[in-house]
C-alpha cells in the first residue's frame, strides 16, 4: 500500500498539486490539516481516497481533529498535532499512540519533517508543502507491505 501524506498547505494550491503529482499513484492520500480547503479544491483531480483531519487553522471545518485508520493491518493515528503540543516535545503524542495501540502516528503542525521510531511506534511528520521551517518544502510517502511500515520524506521541487 502506498500512502501520500501532505500537511500545512496553508492556501498554496500550486504546491499541493505539485506534491500530489510527485506522489503519483497512491492507494490513499492523507492531508494532516491547516489547508483542508486546499485538498477539497483539488480533490476532483485525485482518483484515490482522501482522508483529512482539521488543523488549528481550519476554522469551522466540521472535521475531526484526529482519526484512527487501518492500513494493511497496521493501526495509524492521524492528527494535526496541535492538541498534543508537538512544537514542544513528542511525549503527549507518543502516549496517545500507546493508548490507541497505534503502530504509527502521522502529524503536522511543526512544519518540520521528521521520522522517529520509539518503542516500535513510528512518529511521522511530512513537514510543510507551503511554509517550511528549517528545511525546504516537503511531503511524505508511506509504503506498507509485508508487515513493514516504510516512511520517507521527499523534497518538493516547484
Protein backbone atom coordinates (compact mmCIF):
# COMPACT_ATOMS: atom_id res chain seq x y z
CA UNK A 1 0.00 0.00 0.00
CA UNK A 2 1.26 3.45 -0.94
CA UNK A 3 0.06 6.43 1.11
CA UNK A 4 0.80 10.03 0.12
CA UNK A 5 0.99 12.39 3.10
CA UNK A 6 0.80 16.18 2.97
CA UNK A 7 0.38 18.79 5.65
CA UNK A 8 0.22 22.51 6.24
CA UNK A 9 -0.56 23.67 2.71
CA UNK A 10 -1.97 26.96 4.06
CA UNK A 11 -3.66 28.01 0.82
CA UNK A 12 -0.83 27.08 -1.54
CA UNK A 13 -2.82 25.02 -4.03
CA UNK A 14 0.02 25.12 -6.56
CA UNK A 15 2.37 23.42 -4.07
CA UNK A 16 -0.34 20.90 -3.15
CA UNK A 17 -0.93 19.99 -6.79
CA UNK A 18 2.82 19.61 -7.31
CA UNK A 19 3.12 17.35 -4.27
CA UNK A 20 0.21 15.18 -5.40
CA UNK A 21 1.71 14.92 -8.88
CA UNK A 22 5.06 13.91 -7.38
CA UNK A 23 3.40 11.31 -5.16
CA UNK A 24 1.83 9.76 -8.25
CA UNK A 25 -0.42 6.75 -8.00
CA UNK A 26 -1.24 6.17 -4.35
CA UNK A 27 -3.78 3.97 -2.68
CA UNK A 28 -4.59 6.74 -0.21
CA UNK A 29 -3.83 10.44 0.27
CA UNK A 30 -3.81 11.96 3.77
CA UNK A 31 -3.90 15.69 4.50
CA UNK A 32 -2.89 16.42 8.08
CA UNK A 33 -4.59 19.78 8.40
CA UNK A 34 -4.03 23.51 8.01
CA UNK A 35 -5.25 23.65 4.48
CA UNK A 36 -8.10 21.21 4.21
CA UNK A 37 -9.89 23.63 1.88
CA UNK A 38 -6.89 23.20 -0.42
CA UNK A 39 -7.33 19.45 -0.66
CA UNK A 40 -11.05 19.96 -1.23
CA UNK A 41 -10.20 22.30 -4.12
CA UNK A 42 -8.03 19.71 -5.87
CA UNK A 43 -9.93 16.57 -4.86
CA UNK A 44 -11.67 16.38 -8.23
CA UNK A 45 -8.28 15.67 -9.81
CA UNK A 46 -7.40 12.87 -7.39
CA UNK A 47 -8.60 9.38 -8.22
CA UNK A 48 -7.87 7.90 -4.82
CA UNK A 49 -9.43 8.08 -1.38
CA UNK A 50 -8.58 11.19 0.64
CA UNK A 51 -8.51 11.29 4.43
CA UNK A 52 -8.19 14.62 6.17
CA UNK A 53 -8.17 15.99 9.69
CA UNK A 54 -8.52 19.57 10.77
CA UNK A 55 -5.63 21.65 11.96
CA UNK A 56 -5.59 24.65 14.24
CA UNK A 57 -6.11 26.96 11.23
CA UNK A 58 -9.03 25.01 9.73
CA UNK A 59 -11.77 27.00 11.39
CA UNK A 60 -15.37 25.73 11.28
CA UNK A 61 -14.42 22.76 9.14
CA UNK A 62 -16.58 20.29 11.00
CA UNK A 63 -13.87 17.65 10.60
CA UNK A 64 -12.43 15.52 13.34
CA UNK A 65 -9.13 16.61 14.86
CA UNK A 66 -7.87 13.04 14.69
CA UNK A 67 -8.70 9.66 13.23
CA UNK A 68 -7.59 6.09 13.56
CA UNK A 69 -7.41 4.07 10.36
CA UNK A 70 -6.27 0.58 9.48
CA UNK A 71 -3.90 0.13 6.56
CA UNK A 72 -2.54 -3.32 5.72
CA UNK A 73 -3.26 -4.49 9.29
CA UNK A 74 -1.39 -1.53 10.76
CA UNK A 75 -3.14 0.93 13.05
CA UNK A 76 -2.43 4.58 12.13
CA UNK A 77 -3.25 7.59 14.28
CA UNK A 78 -3.80 10.66 12.09
CA UNK A 79 -3.83 14.12 13.68
CA UNK A 80 -2.57 17.62 13.06
CA UNK A 81 -0.63 17.57 16.31
CA UNK A 82 -1.51 20.91 17.88
CA UNK A 83 -3.64 19.25 20.58
CA UNK A 84 -0.55 17.35 21.73
CA UNK A 85 1.92 20.26 22.00
CA UNK A 86 4.18 18.77 19.32
CA UNK A 87 6.05 22.06 19.00
CA UNK A 88 7.44 21.44 22.49
CA UNK A 89 8.03 17.69 22.51
CA UNK A 90 6.51 14.41 21.36
CA UNK A 91 5.75 12.92 24.76
CA UNK A 92 1.98 13.56 24.65
CA UNK A 93 1.54 12.30 21.11
CA UNK A 94 3.64 9.22 21.89
CA UNK A 95 1.47 8.45 24.93
CA UNK A 96 -1.63 8.86 22.77
CA UNK A 97 -0.20 6.36 20.28
CA UNK A 98 0.41 3.88 23.09
CA UNK A 99 -3.13 4.39 24.42
CA UNK A 100 -4.58 3.84 20.93
CA UNK A 101 -2.29 0.86 20.24
CA UNK A 102 -1.08 2.64 17.09
CA UNK A 103 1.84 1.41 15.03
CA UNK A 104 2.35 4.86 13.52
CA UNK A 105 1.35 8.48 14.17
CA UNK A 106 1.07 10.88 11.24
CA UNK A 107 1.06 14.53 12.28
CA UNK A 108 2.00 18.01 11.10
CA UNK A 109 1.82 21.44 12.77
CA UNK A 110 5.56 21.96 13.32
CA UNK A 111 6.29 22.45 9.58
CA UNK A 112 9.43 20.40 10.19
CA UNK A 113 9.81 16.93 8.62
CA UNK A 114 10.76 14.12 10.95
CA UNK A 115 10.71 10.35 11.26
CA UNK A 116 11.29 8.96 14.74
CA UNK A 117 10.86 5.39 15.91
CA UNK A 118 10.31 4.99 19.63
CA UNK A 119 9.28 1.70 21.26
CA UNK A 120 8.05 0.26 17.95
CA UNK A 121 5.89 3.32 17.23
CA UNK A 122 6.78 5.48 14.23
CA UNK A 123 6.19 9.23 14.60
CA UNK A 124 5.99 10.69 11.10
CA UNK A 125 5.76 14.38 10.23
CA UNK A 126 5.99 15.12 6.49
CA UNK A 127 6.78 18.80 7.10
CA UNK A 128 5.03 21.56 5.19
CA UNK A 129 4.48 21.90 1.47
CA UNK A 130 3.99 25.66 1.75
CA UNK A 131 5.77 27.20 4.74
CA UNK A 132 8.70 25.02 5.79
CA UNK A 133 10.78 25.62 8.90
CA UNK A 134 14.44 24.74 8.86
CA UNK A 135 14.22 22.86 5.58
CA UNK A 136 12.65 23.04 2.14
CA UNK A 137 9.07 22.23 1.20
CA UNK A 138 8.41 18.55 1.88
CA UNK A 139 5.78 15.82 1.75
CA UNK A 140 5.77 12.17 2.68
CA UNK A 141 5.16 8.75 1.24
CA UNK A 142 4.47 5.75 3.44
CA UNK A 143 4.74 2.27 1.99
CA UNK A 144 3.20 -0.56 3.98
CA UNK A 145 3.91 -4.05 2.74
CA UNK A 146 4.72 -7.47 4.14
CA UNK A 147 4.09 -6.18 7.67
CA UNK A 148 6.62 -3.36 7.37
CA UNK A 149 5.95 0.39 7.53
CA UNK A 150 8.43 2.33 5.41
CA UNK A 151 8.04 6.13 5.65
CA UNK A 152 10.10 8.54 3.58
CA UNK A 153 10.24 12.32 3.35
CA UNK A 154 10.58 13.87 -0.10
CA UNK A 155 11.61 17.36 -1.15
CA UNK A 156 9.03 19.23 -3.19
CA UNK A 157 10.58 20.84 -6.24
CA UNK A 158 8.40 23.58 -7.71
